[in-house]
Every structure is written in structure tokens, then in C-alpha cells.
Amino acid sequence: MAPVPLAVPDLSEDDLKSIFETVISKSPDGIITVNMDGVIVFSNPAADRMYGYPSLKGKNLDDLVPEPLREDLHIKMEEYRAAGRHELSGRVLETVSLRADGTEFPVEMTINPAETPAGRYITSIIRDISSRKEMEEELKSREEQFRDLFENATDMIQAVNPEGRFVYVNRAWKETLGYTDRDLEELTLFDVIHPDKLDECRELFRRVMSGEKIPTVETAFITSDGEKIFVEGNVNVRMKKGEVEYSRAIFRDVTERMKFQRELERLAAIVESSGDAIVSYDLEGNIMDWNRGAEMVYGYSAEEVKGKNISILMSEEEFEKLRGLISEVKSGGLVSNFEAKRRRKDGEEIWVSISLSPIRDFNGEIIGVSTIARDITEMKRTREALEASEEKYRKIVEKFIQNALALISEINR
């Protein structure tokens, strides 16, 4: 069964009057009523506090209005007297009021004309919006600060709507890619993505627009003159009422870094594939890098020796020689084709020809030594064998010459 509606008792005029008087007296908004002469005939406590008077009753409306606004006030009052209609009736307007101490403050008010048997009156409900205005000014100031920050940022900042149209790009974005504001009116995001990355970017855009968070994005743009620019950054979306309003992204041009990285990879591949032992260590001799060539020459894997001292490859005497060479490198010098004995993991002694050069940090300080060593053991043995053979034949020839000379001497006697 449907509930039986409760009977609502009618309020008496005295009850209604009591309620309205309570509402008016307790209202946080100021309420004043003026007659056609601009004299205040009623004010509630909030209005008195707002304007800084013990009571506004009997004051002229001019006392609450800054002088530059009074003439317009008088004109509108005169029009109301003549036509019985006020053009601001029922509207919410913002204006400026004047306190008893002469300070101005912003207000929001509604104007409500009324015809009574005693004459025409205007009642205004007034709200002090100083705090709101301060907040608006603060927000405006922050927006200007952020806009200035975005415009002067070195990173590329963009906002793109769900159709791929640009909502905003900053100065760095335009300067890096070379597009103008007029270009951007016609372009979409996919027009500035490099063809190599287009399919990948379309899928990425779909995921972002579906609300997925993607912390790091690496892609490539194409400049207005056709150059490929590598970028990395992050992308997220702004939601409004559960719908994606636009995506926002901050990218950094990493083209030079990518080129440098590729060059490093190329050099690393050369180092790793080299048959020479390429080893680097700090100024105390602690091994930092060890290539495949070093594994073949010395017999140790990189995992076995990294962090250990280079002295594991040599005798104390050889290590002392190396200390002297390290001191020379610390002074900025280079050492080329230095022959030294080294000890392999299996204990075999080998001869190597070593070149040493300094390793510097970003500040140019020497922090270590890079060495390239070539196993010359077989060459050394061959050379020693050749030298021994040459010495042997030299002695045979000398002996032959001596014997020949002796024989000739005998014959001549």
C-alpha cells in the first residue's frame, strides 16, 4: 500500500514572520532595504558588520558606494522612480562597495524592487566576495606562472584531444619541430610522427585515450623540413565527467643522446669483438672492464676478475713497473707498446705489448687507466729463436774465418 501523505499544517502570518525574521537576522549575507530617496530603512546584522557600522539604518546609499559609481547609481534610481522598473532586477551582479573606514571591497548582489502601500523600495542581498576574489587572483597568478613556465621550458609540452588535434604546444615544441601556429591548425599528432613510428604511435595513442597509464614513451617526430627527431617522455590524460578531455605529454629531444648511444654501442661491439685484451681499471689497479679478448689472452672470465686488482696477472716486480706507468698516465701521458710479462689463470707466463691511456670523468679528471694488450709470446719466442740462431751462425762464421786465416798463414810460411 502507498503511504498516506501526512497533512501539512498551514503556518500563521505570525509564524511566517517569525521564520523570515530569524532567517534575515541569521543570514551570513548582508540585506538592506532603501527607499526612493536612497535612504536605508532596514539592514540586517550581517550588513552592519560587513560595512563596519553599528547600524546602517538612516544612512544614505551613497555612503556605501565608491564615488566613481555614484552617478550610475543615481541614474538607475531615477529610472526606477520614473518607470517603476529596475534594469538590474533579479540579476546577480558584481560591483564594489565602500566600508565605513573608506576601504573598498568586492561584492556580489541581487537587486529586488518591491511595490508596497507605503511606496517603492529596493532590497539588496549582498555577499562579500573578497576572499573569492583573492583566490581568483591567486589562481590567475598561478596560471600565469605555469603558462610562463611551460612557454619557457626546454622540454617539449603538448596537449592533444581525442581526435588527435593539438590543443596546446609550447614554444620549445614549435622551435624543435619547426611548425608554426598556422601549421598546427591543419596538422594532427599523426602528421608529425615519423613514418617509422606511426603504427606504434597509433596503438600507443589508443591505449592512452582509453585511460591506460604509460610512464615512459619513446618515439620519433618529423620536423617541418623532414628531419627525424627522437624523443622520450611521459603521457597521461585529463578526465572530465568520466570522459577523456585531452592527453598531455612532456617530451625531451634525445636525438643527440641516441646518436651518442649508438656510437657507444658501435665502439662497444668493436671492443668486445677485438682479439686484443682491452682492460680498464681505476688508479689503484682495481679492474672495471674486461673484454672477450682479455678472456682469451689471460684465461679469466670478466665475472672472475671484475673488482679484483690487476696485480693478479703479474709478479710483484712487474706490478711495481706498472705502478710507475700508472703515475705517468695520471700526469696525462700515454704509454705505447710497452712489453711486459703477465701470468695467465693456468699459471703460464706470457709476453704482452701494452698501451696505456687515461680515463677521464665528465669534469676532465683522470679516474682510471685503459689498456690494450696484445699477446706477443709466440712472436717473442720466434724473435729469441731467430736471435739465438743468428748468434750461432755468427760464431760458426767467425770460427770458419779464424780457421781459414790460420790455414793461409801456415801456407805462407
Protein backbone atom coordinates (compact mmCIF):
# COMPACT_ATOMS: atom_id res chain seq x y z
CA MET A 1 0.00 0.00 0.00
CA ALA A 2 1.10 3.51 -0.77
CA PRO A 3 1.90 5.55 2.34
CA VAL A 4 -0.77 8.04 3.37
CA PRO A 5 0.62 11.57 2.91
CA LEU A 6 0.93 13.49 6.14
CA ALA A 7 -1.18 16.59 6.49
CA VAL A 8 0.90 19.78 6.36
CA PRO A 9 -0.46 22.42 8.72
CA ASP A 10 -0.77 25.97 7.46
CA LEU A 11 1.51 28.50 9.13
CA SER A 12 0.07 31.61 10.54
CA GLU A 13 1.27 35.02 9.42
CA ASP A 14 2.93 35.45 12.80
CA ASP A 15 4.76 32.12 12.36
CA LEU A 16 5.93 33.05 8.86
CA LYS A 17 7.01 36.49 10.06
CA SER A 18 9.00 34.89 12.89
CA ILE A 19 10.70 32.47 10.48
CA PHE A 20 11.59 35.20 7.98
CA GLU A 21 12.90 37.48 10.70
CA THR A 22 15.11 34.65 12.00
CA VAL A 23 16.41 33.85 8.52
CA ILE A 24 17.17 37.50 7.80
CA SER A 25 18.84 38.17 11.14
CA LYS A 26 20.96 34.99 10.97
CA SER A 27 21.83 35.24 7.28
CA PRO A 28 25.59 35.45 6.55
CA ASP A 29 24.76 37.72 3.61
CA GLY A 30 24.05 41.38 4.11
CA ILE A 31 20.47 42.53 3.47
CA ILE A 32 19.49 46.19 3.14
CA THR A 33 16.36 47.98 2.00
CA VAL A 34 16.37 51.55 0.67
CA ASN A 35 13.57 53.94 -0.21
CA MET A 36 13.33 56.06 -3.34
CA ASP A 37 15.49 58.76 -1.75
CA GLY A 38 18.31 56.26 -1.35
CA VAL A 39 17.97 56.16 2.43
CA ILE A 40 18.47 52.82 4.15
CA VAL A 41 15.34 51.88 6.04
CA PHE A 42 16.45 48.38 7.05
CA SER A 43 19.72 46.43 7.45
CA ASN A 44 20.41 43.06 8.99
CA PRO A 45 23.34 42.41 11.38
CA ALA A 46 25.48 40.85 8.62
CA ALA A 47 25.18 44.06 6.53
CA ASP A 48 26.13 46.23 9.50
CA ARG A 49 29.22 44.09 10.17
CA MET A 50 30.13 43.95 6.51
CA TYR A 51 30.18 47.74 6.12
CA GLY A 52 31.59 48.46 9.58
CA TYR A 53 28.70 50.49 11.03
CA PRO A 54 26.86 49.96 14.33
CA SER A 55 23.72 50.26 12.19
CA LEU A 56 23.16 51.19 8.57
CA LYS A 57 19.60 52.34 9.16
CA GLY A 58 19.28 56.01 8.23
CA LYS A 59 22.48 56.05 6.15
CA ASN A 60 22.35 57.14 2.52
CA LEU A 61 23.16 54.58 -0.12
CA ASP A 62 25.92 56.91 -1.37
CA ASP A 63 27.83 56.11 1.83
CA LEU A 64 28.22 52.51 0.64
CA VAL A 65 29.18 53.25 -2.96
CA PRO A 66 32.60 54.49 -4.18
CA GLU A 67 32.39 57.92 -5.71
CA PRO A 68 33.07 56.88 -9.34
CA LEU A 69 29.99 54.61 -9.21
CA ARG A 70 27.53 57.03 -7.63
CA GLU A 71 26.41 58.79 -10.80
CA ASP A 72 25.39 55.49 -12.42
CA LEU A 73 23.54 54.56 -9.19
CA HIS A 74 21.59 57.84 -9.27
CA ILE A 75 20.63 57.33 -12.92
CA LYS A 76 19.25 53.86 -12.26
CA MET A 77 17.33 55.08 -9.19
CA GLU A 78 15.79 57.88 -11.25
CA GLU A 79 14.78 55.42 -13.98
CA TYR A 80 13.13 53.25 -11.33
CA ARG A 81 11.24 56.22 -9.93
CA ALA A 82 10.01 57.14 -13.38
CA ALA A 83 9.24 53.75 -14.90
CA GLY A 84 8.71 51.57 -11.86
CA ARG A 85 11.18 49.10 -13.33
CA HIS A 86 14.82 48.47 -12.47
CA GLU A 87 17.03 47.06 -15.28
CA LEU A 88 19.10 45.02 -12.79
CA SER A 89 16.09 43.47 -11.10
CA GLY A 90 16.59 39.81 -10.23
CA ARG A 91 20.10 39.71 -11.71
CA VAL A 92 23.29 38.79 -9.89
CA LEU A 93 25.94 41.44 -10.42
CA GLU A 94 29.45 42.06 -9.17
CA THR A 95 30.43 45.52 -8.07
CA VAL A 96 32.49 47.36 -5.46
CA SER A 97 31.27 48.66 -2.10
CA LEU A 98 32.68 51.11 0.44
CA ARG A 99 33.23 50.39 4.13
CA ALA A 100 32.93 52.90 6.94
CA ASP A 101 36.74 53.19 7.09
CA GLY A 102 36.91 54.14 3.41
CA THR A 103 38.27 50.83 2.11
CA GLU A 104 36.71 49.30 -0.98
CA PHE A 105 35.81 45.63 -1.28
CA PRO A 106 34.18 43.50 -3.98
CA VAL A 107 30.62 42.30 -3.54
CA GLU A 108 28.08 40.16 -5.32
CA MET A 109 24.47 41.33 -5.02
CA THR A 110 20.94 40.91 -6.23
CA ILE A 111 18.53 43.84 -6.51
CA ASN A 112 14.86 43.20 -5.75
CA PRO A 113 12.46 46.15 -6.26
CA ALA A 114 9.11 45.99 -4.44
CA GLU A 115 5.85 47.95 -4.58
CA THR A 116 4.16 48.43 -1.18
CA PRO A 117 1.25 50.52 0.00
CA ALA A 118 3.83 52.81 1.60
CA GLY A 119 5.78 53.26 -1.67
CA ARG A 120 8.56 51.70 -3.69
CA TYR A 121 11.57 50.08 -2.07
CA ILE A 122 14.63 48.20 -3.23
CA THR A 123 16.02 45.33 -1.20
CA SER A 124 19.54 44.09 -1.95
CA ILE A 125 21.12 40.87 -0.81
CA ILE A 126 24.87 41.46 -0.64
CA ARG A 127 27.74 39.00 -0.32
CA ASP A 128 31.33 39.99 0.44
CA ILE A 129 33.42 38.17 -2.18
CA SER A 130 36.83 39.49 -1.10
CA SER A 131 38.11 36.01 -0.25
CA ARG A 132 36.81 34.59 -3.50
CA LYS A 133 38.42 37.40 -5.48
CA GLU A 134 41.70 36.87 -3.68
CA MET A 135 41.52 33.20 -4.54
CA GLU A 136 40.69 34.03 -8.17
CA GLU A 137 43.62 36.42 -8.35
CA GLU A 138 45.87 33.83 -6.77
CA LEU A 139 44.64 31.23 -9.26
CA LYS A 140 45.13 33.64 -12.14
CA SER A 141 48.64 34.43 -10.91
CA ARG A 142 49.47 30.73 -10.66
CA GLU A 143 48.04 30.07 -14.11
CA GLU A 144 50.24 32.84 -15.49
CA GLN A 145 53.24 31.39 -13.67
CA PHE A 146 52.55 27.92 -15.04
CA ARG A 147 51.97 29.27 -18.54
CA ASP A 148 55.25 31.18 -18.30
CA LEU A 149 56.94 28.01 -17.02
CA PHE A 150 55.52 25.93 -19.87
CA GLU A 151 56.37 28.52 -22.51
CA ASN A 152 59.96 28.85 -21.31
CA ALA A 153 60.55 25.17 -20.57
CA THR A 154 63.27 23.47 -22.61
CA ASP A 155 61.19 20.29 -22.80
CA MET A 156 58.52 19.87 -25.46
CA ILE A 157 54.99 20.09 -24.00
CA GLN A 158 51.84 19.23 -25.90
CA ALA A 159 48.14 18.60 -25.31
CA VAL A 160 46.11 16.63 -27.88
CA ASN A 161 42.35 16.00 -27.99
CA PRO A 162 40.82 12.54 -28.69
CA GLU A 163 40.71 13.34 -32.43
CA GLY A 164 44.47 13.91 -32.45
CA ARG A 165 44.18 17.70 -32.84
CA PHE A 166 46.60 19.89 -30.94
CA VAL A 167 45.04 21.78 -28.03
CA TYR A 168 48.34 23.31 -26.91
CA VAL A 169 52.05 23.15 -27.68
CA ASN A 170 54.75 25.24 -26.03
CA ARG A 171 57.49 27.32 -27.58
CA ALA A 172 60.14 24.58 -27.27
CA TRP A 173 57.86 22.16 -29.14
CA LYS A 174 57.47 24.59 -32.06
CA GLU A 175 61.13 25.59 -32.11
CA THR A 176 62.32 21.97 -32.05
CA LEU A 177 59.99 20.75 -34.80
CA GLY A 178 59.77 23.96 -36.81
CA TYR A 179 55.97 24.15 -37.10
CA THR A 180 54.04 27.43 -36.84
CA ASP A 181 50.71 28.15 -35.17
CA ARG A 182 49.13 28.24 -38.63
CA ASP A 183 50.59 24.80 -39.42
CA LEU A 184 49.12 23.42 -36.22
CA GLU A 185 45.61 24.46 -37.26
CA GLU A 186 45.80 21.89 -40.04
CA LEU A 187 48.05 19.20 -38.52
CA THR A 188 47.18 16.26 -36.30
CA LEU A 189 49.51 14.38 -33.99
CA PHE A 190 49.92 11.65 -36.60
CA ASP A 191 51.14 14.15 -39.19
CA VAL A 192 54.22 14.92 -37.05
CA ILE A 193 55.04 11.34 -36.06
CA HIS A 194 57.85 9.87 -38.14
CA PRO A 195 56.58 7.16 -40.53
CA ASP A 196 58.84 4.58 -38.85
CA LYS A 197 56.92 5.05 -35.60
CA LEU A 198 53.41 5.75 -36.92
CA ASP A 199 51.77 2.36 -36.34
CA GLU A 200 53.37 2.08 -32.90
CA CYS A 201 52.19 5.60 -32.00
CA ARG A 202 48.60 4.97 -33.13
CA GLU A 203 48.39 1.98 -30.82
CA LEU A 204 50.00 3.95 -28.00
CA PHE A 205 47.53 6.81 -28.51
CA ARG A 206 44.61 4.36 -28.37
CA ARG A 207 45.87 2.95 -25.09
CA VAL A 208 46.41 6.40 -23.57
CA MET A 209 42.97 7.60 -24.64
CA SER A 210 41.41 4.53 -23.04
CA GLY A 211 42.84 5.72 -19.74
CA GLU A 212 45.89 3.46 -19.52
CA LYS A 213 48.87 4.99 -17.73
CA ILE A 214 52.11 4.68 -19.67
CA PRO A 215 55.03 6.02 -17.61
CA THR A 216 57.67 6.24 -20.36
CA VAL A 217 57.24 6.80 -24.09
CA GLU A 218 59.96 6.64 -26.71
CA THR A 219 59.08 7.70 -30.25
CA ALA A 220 60.24 9.87 -33.13
CA PHE A 221 58.80 13.07 -34.62
CA ILE A 222 59.42 14.50 -38.06
CA THR A 223 60.31 18.19 -38.33
CA SER A 224 58.82 20.60 -40.85
CA ASP A 225 61.90 20.08 -43.06
CA GLY A 226 61.77 16.27 -42.85
CA GLU A 227 64.39 15.61 -40.18
CA LYS A 228 63.87 12.71 -37.75
CA ILE A 229 63.86 13.73 -34.07
CA PHE A 230 63.98 11.10 -31.32
CA VAL A 231 62.07 11.96 -28.13
CA GLU A 232 61.25 10.36 -24.81
CA GLY A 233 58.83 11.43 -22.11
CA ASN A 234 55.56 10.60 -20.39
CA VAL A 235 51.92 10.86 -21.38
CA ASN A 236 48.73 10.96 -19.36
CA VAL A 237 45.17 12.19 -19.83
CA ARG A 238 42.86 14.76 -18.31
CA MET A 239 39.44 13.36 -17.47
CA LYS A 240 36.21 15.37 -17.25
CA LYS A 241 32.96 13.78 -16.14
CA GLY A 242 34.40 10.36 -16.78
CA GLU A 243 35.48 11.17 -20.33
CA VAL A 244 38.95 11.88 -21.70
CA GLU A 245 39.21 15.58 -22.46
CA TYR A 246 42.75 15.54 -23.85
CA SER A 247 46.13 13.85 -23.49
CA ARG A 248 49.10 15.80 -22.18
CA ALA A 249 52.71 14.91 -22.76
CA ILE A 250 56.16 16.20 -21.89
CA PHE A 251 58.90 15.10 -24.28
CA ARG A 252 62.64 15.65 -24.32
CA ASP A 253 64.67 15.74 -27.52
CA VAL A 254 67.12 12.85 -27.16
CA THR A 255 68.37 12.79 -30.75
CA GLU A 256 71.96 13.62 -29.82
CA ARG A 257 71.88 11.15 -26.96
CA MET A 258 70.57 8.43 -29.28
CA LYS A 259 73.36 9.16 -31.76
CA PHE A 260 75.89 9.07 -28.95
CA GLN A 261 74.41 5.86 -27.58
CA ARG A 262 74.56 4.20 -30.98
CA GLU A 263 78.16 5.30 -31.37
CA LEU A 264 78.92 3.84 -27.94
CA GLU A 265 77.23 0.60 -28.94
CA ARG A 266 79.28 0.51 -32.13
CA LEU A 267 82.51 1.11 -30.19
CA ALA A 268 81.49 -1.43 -27.56
CA ALA A 269 80.93 -4.01 -30.29
CA ILE A 270 84.37 -3.26 -31.69
CA VAL A 271 85.94 -3.57 -28.24
CA GLU A 272 84.06 -6.77 -27.47
CA SER A 273 84.97 -8.41 -30.77
CA SER A 274 88.63 -7.38 -30.63
CA GLY A 275 91.21 -10.13 -30.27
CA ASP A 276 93.34 -7.79 -28.15
CA ALA A 277 92.90 -7.72 -24.39
CA ILE A 278 91.16 -4.43 -23.57
CA VAL A 279 91.06 -3.81 -19.82
CA SER A 280 90.31 -0.74 -17.74
CA TYR A 281 91.00 -0.23 -14.06
CA ASP A 282 90.98 2.59 -11.53
CA LEU A 283 94.08 4.36 -10.30
CA GLU A 284 94.53 1.74 -7.58
CA GLY A 285 94.52 -1.02 -10.18
CA ASN A 286 91.03 -2.38 -9.43
CA ILE A 287 89.57 -3.87 -12.62
CA MET A 288 86.46 -2.17 -14.01
CA ASP A 289 86.06 -3.56 -17.56
CA TRP A 290 87.32 -6.75 -19.21
CA ASN A 291 86.51 -7.67 -22.80
CA ARG A 292 86.31 -11.03 -24.54
CA GLY A 293 89.81 -10.59 -25.90
CA ALA A 294 91.10 -10.31 -22.33
CA GLU A 295 89.33 -13.56 -21.50
CA MET A 296 91.19 -15.29 -24.36
CA VAL A 297 94.58 -13.72 -23.57
CA TYR A 298 94.56 -14.11 -19.78
CA GLY A 299 92.19 -17.07 -19.31
CA TYR A 300 89.93 -15.35 -16.76
CA SER A 301 86.25 -14.55 -17.43
CA ALA A 302 85.01 -11.00 -16.78
CA GLU A 303 82.94 -12.23 -13.81
CA GLU A 304 86.06 -13.72 -12.20
CA VAL A 305 88.17 -10.58 -12.27
CA LYS A 306 85.91 -7.52 -12.13
CA GLY A 307 86.58 -5.70 -8.86
CA LYS A 308 89.85 -7.55 -8.30
CA ASN A 309 93.26 -5.93 -8.60
CA ILE A 310 95.21 -6.12 -11.84
CA SER A 311 98.16 -7.43 -9.83
CA ILE A 312 96.70 -10.96 -10.11
CA LEU A 313 98.18 -11.03 -13.63
CA MET A 314 101.79 -10.34 -12.71
CA SER A 315 104.66 -10.69 -10.33
CA GLU A 316 105.44 -8.07 -7.70
CA GLU A 317 108.33 -6.82 -9.82
CA GLU A 318 106.07 -6.36 -12.85
CA PHE A 319 103.42 -4.66 -10.69
CA GLU A 320 105.99 -2.14 -9.48
CA LYS A 321 106.82 -1.34 -13.10
CA LEU A 322 103.11 -0.90 -13.77
CA ARG A 323 102.77 1.49 -10.82
CA GLY A 324 105.32 3.72 -12.45
CA LEU A 325 103.42 3.64 -15.73
CA ILE A 326 100.15 4.46 -13.93
CA SER A 327 101.83 7.50 -12.37
CA GLU A 328 102.87 8.59 -15.84
CA VAL A 329 99.29 8.18 -17.11
CA LYS A 330 97.93 10.11 -14.08
CA SER A 331 100.04 13.04 -15.29
CA GLY A 332 98.20 12.87 -18.62
CA GLY A 333 100.80 10.89 -20.52
CA LEU A 334 100.37 7.96 -22.89
CA VAL A 335 102.37 4.73 -22.87
CA SER A 336 102.69 2.83 -26.14
CA ASN A 337 103.92 -0.69 -26.93
CA PHE A 338 105.38 -1.43 -23.51
CA GLU A 339 106.49 -5.07 -23.33
CA ALA A 340 105.78 -6.88 -20.10
CA LYS A 341 105.37 -10.35 -18.62
CA ARG A 342 101.93 -11.43 -17.49
CA ARG A 343 100.62 -14.58 -15.80
CA ARG A 344 97.55 -16.41 -17.16
CA LYS A 345 94.95 -18.11 -15.00
CA ASP A 346 96.62 -21.50 -15.70
CA GLY A 347 99.95 -20.15 -14.44
CA GLU A 348 101.59 -19.83 -17.85
CA GLU A 349 103.75 -16.75 -18.27
CA ILE A 350 103.17 -14.80 -21.45
CA TRP A 351 104.61 -11.69 -23.03
CA VAL A 352 102.31 -8.81 -23.97
CA SER A 353 102.74 -5.48 -25.70
CA ILE A 354 100.66 -2.93 -23.76
CA SER A 355 99.47 0.60 -24.50
CA LEU A 356 98.04 2.68 -21.63
CA SER A 357 95.86 5.79 -21.81
CA PRO A 358 93.93 7.81 -19.19
CA ILE A 359 90.19 7.54 -18.48
CA ARG A 360 88.60 10.87 -17.58
CA ASP A 361 85.27 11.74 -15.92
CA PHE A 362 82.84 14.45 -17.07
CA ASN A 363 84.94 17.09 -15.32
CA GLY A 364 88.09 16.04 -17.14
CA GLU A 365 89.62 14.44 -14.04
CA ILE A 366 91.66 11.27 -14.62
CA ILE A 367 89.93 8.44 -12.78
CA GLY A 368 91.45 5.32 -14.32
CA VAL A 369 93.57 3.66 -16.97
CA SER A 370 92.54 1.95 -20.20
CA THR A 371 94.91 -0.67 -21.56
CA ILE A 372 95.18 -2.57 -24.83
CA ALA A 373 97.41 -5.62 -24.68
CA ARG A 374 98.46 -7.98 -27.46
CA ASP A 375 99.87 -11.42 -26.75
CA ILE A 376 103.37 -11.40 -28.31
CA THR A 377 104.58 -14.60 -26.67
CA GLU A 378 104.95 -16.52 -29.93
CA MET A 379 106.49 -13.52 -31.63
CA LYS A 380 108.86 -13.12 -28.70
CA ARG A 381 109.84 -16.80 -28.85
CA THR A 382 110.33 -16.61 -32.60
CA ARG A 383 112.42 -13.49 -32.25
CA GLU A 384 114.50 -15.04 -29.47
CA ALA A 385 114.94 -18.20 -31.55
CA LEU A 386 115.99 -16.12 -34.52
CA GLU A 387 118.42 -14.15 -32.39
CA ALA A 388 119.84 -17.41 -30.98
CA SER A 389 120.14 -18.84 -34.48
CA GLU A 390 121.83 -15.69 -35.73
CA GLU A 391 124.28 -15.85 -32.81
CA LYS A 392 125.04 -19.50 -33.53
CA TYR A 393 125.75 -18.86 -37.21
CA ARG A 394 127.74 -15.74 -36.35
CA LYS A 395 130.02 -17.84 -34.13
CA ILE A 396 130.33 -20.55 -36.82
CA VAL A 397 131.29 -17.93 -39.40
CA GLU A 398 133.73 -16.31 -37.03
CA LYS A 399 135.29 -19.73 -36.30
CA PHE A 400 135.46 -20.52 -40.01
CA ILE A 401 137.16 -17.22 -40.74
CA GLN A 402 139.64 -17.77 -37.92
CA ASN A 403 140.45 -21.28 -39.22
CA ALA A 404 140.79 -20.02 -42.78
CA LEU A 405 143.13 -17.24 -41.75
CA ALA A 406 145.22 -19.72 -39.72
CA LEU A 407 145.48 -22.09 -42.73
CA ILE A 408 146.51 -19.25 -45.06
CA SER A 409 149.14 -18.21 -42.54
CA GLU A 410 150.54 -21.78 -42.47
CA ILE A 411 150.66 -21.95 -46.24
CA ASN A 412 152.54 -18.67 -46.49
CA ARG A 413 155.35 -19.78 -44.15
